[in-house]
Amino acid sequence: MQLDIDVDGWPDHHDWEALCQQALDALFDVEPALNSSRLITSVLYTSDTQVHELNKEWRGKDKPTNVLSFPMLERDDLLALAAEGPPEMLGDIALAFETCQREADEKAVALKDHTAHLLVHGFLHLAGHDHVDSDSQAAAMEKLEVEALAKLGIADPYGDR
């Protein structure tokens, strides 16, 4: 997958672009549909203000959130994607710095680990996974997240349940 990454307003004490690639690489075994050279995904590391605007405009929610995912392929289309062919836009991910930092602090985890979790979560949404319609759907998505994060050496973020 080709990543188009823009980092705006995040601290430069960490290589956020490399973290994004690492999160994606960890997903390849867990969600093989993402492992296609035809796919393109844009990832925007930005502010609460910008994510708030996106959330309001595209989801009708007048507040910031930690991560937004905007899939451009249906799950069935992703699974049917031939190995050869023109590039296909999988979708966009946007992460809000202030919310991510606050949540990391509240959970007493490193910002980079929490961000890796949110990237994995966002990529899974782009791949057609969801967690809002049923408990079984949420459990299945969380299982994939935990498996990918384990490949990165990150503890189960749902372990406190």
Protein backbone atom coordinates (compact mmCIF):
# COMPACT_ATOMS: atom_id res chain seq x y z
CA MET A 1 0.00 0.00 0.00
CA GLN A 2 1.16 3.48 -0.78
CA LEU A 3 0.81 5.95 2.08
CA ASP A 4 0.45 9.69 1.59
CA ILE A 5 1.26 11.09 5.03
CA ASP A 6 1.03 14.69 6.22
CA VAL A 7 2.15 15.64 9.73
CA ASP A 8 0.92 19.04 10.90
CA GLY A 9 1.13 20.20 14.50
CA TRP A 10 2.36 16.97 16.07
CA PRO A 11 5.56 17.05 18.15
CA ASP A 12 8.65 16.09 16.20
CA HIS A 13 10.14 13.91 18.96
CA HIS A 14 8.87 10.84 17.11
CA ASP A 15 8.87 9.69 13.48
CA TRP A 16 5.10 9.65 12.91
CA GLU A 17 5.47 8.59 9.28
CA ALA A 18 7.50 5.54 10.27
CA LEU A 19 4.95 4.68 12.98
CA CYS A 20 2.19 4.76 10.37
CA GLN A 21 4.11 2.34 8.14
CA GLN A 22 4.88 0.08 11.12
CA ALA A 23 1.18 -0.04 12.09
CA LEU A 24 0.25 -0.92 8.53
CA ASP A 25 2.97 -3.58 8.27
CA ALA A 26 1.68 -5.17 11.49
CA LEU A 27 -1.76 -5.44 9.92
CA PHE A 28 -0.69 -7.31 6.79
CA ASP A 29 -0.89 -10.76 8.44
CA VAL A 30 -3.99 -9.85 10.43
CA GLU A 31 -5.91 -8.26 7.54
CA PRO A 32 -4.34 -9.48 4.27
CA ALA A 33 -6.74 -7.41 2.15
CA LEU A 34 -4.67 -4.34 3.09
CA ASN A 35 -1.51 -5.85 1.61
CA SER A 36 -1.96 -4.65 -1.95
CA SER A 37 0.43 -2.47 -3.90
CA ARG A 38 -2.59 -1.02 -5.72
CA LEU A 39 -4.02 0.68 -2.62
CA ILE A 40 -3.42 4.29 -1.65
CA THR A 41 -4.29 5.77 1.74
CA SER A 42 -3.81 9.29 2.99
CA VAL A 43 -3.05 9.84 6.66
CA LEU A 44 -3.29 13.27 8.25
CA TYR A 45 -1.79 13.90 11.66
CA THR A 46 -3.46 17.18 12.63
CA SER A 47 -5.15 19.19 15.38
CA ASP A 48 -8.39 18.81 17.30
CA THR A 49 -9.64 21.90 15.49
CA GLN A 50 -9.26 20.36 12.05
CA VAL A 51 -10.63 16.96 13.10
CA HIS A 52 -13.57 18.77 14.74
CA GLU A 53 -14.31 20.46 11.41
CA LEU A 54 -14.06 17.18 9.51
CA ASN A 55 -16.22 15.38 12.07
CA LYS A 56 -18.88 18.10 11.87
CA GLU A 57 -18.88 18.30 8.07
CA TRP A 58 -18.77 14.59 7.23
CA ARG A 59 -20.35 12.89 10.24
CA GLY A 60 -22.61 15.61 11.63
CA LYS A 61 -20.86 15.45 15.02
CA ASP A 62 -19.91 18.83 16.43
CA LYS A 63 -16.83 17.76 18.40
CA PRO A 64 -13.30 16.53 17.90
CA THR A 65 -12.50 12.84 18.11
CA ASN A 66 -9.27 10.86 18.23
CA VAL A 67 -9.34 9.30 14.75
CA LEU A 68 -11.56 9.58 11.69
CA SER A 69 -11.60 7.09 8.84
CA PHE A 70 -13.16 7.78 5.47
CA PRO A 71 -13.29 4.56 3.43
CA MET A 72 -13.61 4.86 -0.33
CA LEU A 73 -13.96 1.16 -1.15
CA GLU A 74 -16.66 -1.19 0.05
CA ARG A 75 -15.38 -4.32 1.81
CA ASP A 76 -16.54 -6.57 -1.05
CA ASP A 77 -14.74 -4.40 -3.60
CA LEU A 78 -11.55 -4.49 -1.52
CA LEU A 79 -11.69 -8.28 -1.24
CA ALA A 80 -12.32 -8.62 -5.00
CA LEU A 81 -9.44 -6.28 -5.94
CA ALA A 82 -7.19 -7.96 -8.52
CA ALA A 83 -3.46 -8.03 -7.86
CA GLU A 84 -2.77 -6.12 -11.07
CA GLY A 85 -4.39 -2.91 -12.21
CA PRO A 86 -4.47 0.82 -11.62
CA PRO A 87 -4.11 2.38 -8.18
CA GLU A 88 -7.21 2.41 -5.97
CA MET A 89 -7.85 4.93 -3.23
CA LEU A 90 -8.69 2.97 -0.07
CA GLY A 91 -9.51 6.06 1.96
CA ASP A 92 -8.34 8.71 4.38
CA ILE A 93 -7.43 8.74 8.06
CA ALA A 94 -7.15 11.85 10.26
CA LEU A 95 -5.75 11.88 13.81
CA ALA A 96 -6.28 14.74 16.31
CA PHE A 97 -3.17 15.48 18.35
CA GLU A 98 -4.70 17.02 21.47
CA THR A 99 -7.31 14.27 21.86
CA CYS A 100 -4.74 11.53 21.24
CA GLN A 101 -2.36 13.05 23.79
CA ARG A 102 -5.12 13.49 26.40
CA GLU A 103 -6.29 9.88 25.95
CA ALA A 104 -2.72 8.56 26.15
CA ASP A 105 -2.21 10.51 29.39
CA GLU A 106 -5.51 9.22 30.83
CA LYS A 107 -4.55 5.63 29.97
CA ALA A 108 -0.97 6.15 31.18
CA VAL A 109 0.45 4.88 27.88
CA ALA A 110 3.00 6.39 25.54
CA LEU A 111 1.56 8.70 22.87
CA LYS A 112 3.24 6.67 20.13
CA ASP A 113 1.63 3.43 21.39
CA HIS A 114 -1.83 5.00 21.59
CA THR A 115 -1.35 6.53 18.15
CA ALA A 116 -0.30 3.14 16.74
CA HIS A 117 -3.52 1.69 18.16
CA LEU A 118 -5.59 4.43 16.55
CA LEU A 119 -3.82 3.95 13.21
CA VAL A 120 -4.53 0.20 13.33
CA HIS A 121 -8.13 0.99 14.23
CA GLY A 122 -8.40 3.46 11.35
CA PHE A 123 -6.89 1.08 8.80
CA LEU A 124 -9.32 -1.65 9.88
CA HIS A 125 -12.22 0.75 9.32
CA LEU A 126 -10.88 1.45 5.83
CA ALA A 127 -10.78 -2.31 5.25
CA GLY A 128 -14.50 -2.52 6.05
CA HIS A 129 -14.42 -3.56 9.69
CA ASP A 130 -16.67 -1.85 12.20
CA HIS A 131 -17.67 -1.99 15.86
CA VAL A 132 -20.94 -0.08 16.14
CA ASP A 133 -23.66 -2.51 15.06
CA SER A 134 -23.09 -5.39 17.47
CA ASP A 135 -20.98 -6.68 20.32
CA SER A 136 -19.73 -9.55 18.15
CA GLN A 137 -18.65 -7.08 15.46
CA ALA A 138 -16.80 -5.02 18.08
CA ALA A 139 -15.15 -8.12 19.56
CA ALA A 140 -13.96 -9.26 16.12
CA MET A 141 -12.46 -5.86 15.33
CA GLU A 142 -10.81 -5.59 18.75
CA LYS A 143 -9.27 -9.05 18.27
CA LEU A 144 -7.66 -7.90 15.02
CA GLU A 145 -6.39 -4.73 16.71
CA VAL A 146 -4.87 -6.68 19.61
CA GLU A 147 -3.16 -9.12 17.21
CA ALA A 148 -1.64 -6.31 15.14
CA LEU A 149 -0.54 -4.34 18.21
CA ALA A 150 1.12 -7.43 19.67
CA LYS A 151 3.31 -7.55 16.54
CA LEU A 152 4.44 -4.04 17.49
CA GLY A 153 5.10 -5.02 21.11
CA ILE A 154 2.14 -2.95 22.33
CA ALA A 155 -0.01 -4.32 25.15
CA ASP A 156 -3.69 -5.11 24.66
CA PRO A 157 -5.47 -1.73 24.96
CA TYR A 158 -8.67 -3.56 25.93
CA GLY A 159 -7.06 -5.65 28.65
CA ASP A 160 -8.75 -3.72 31.44
CA ARG A 161 -12.23 -5.00 30.54
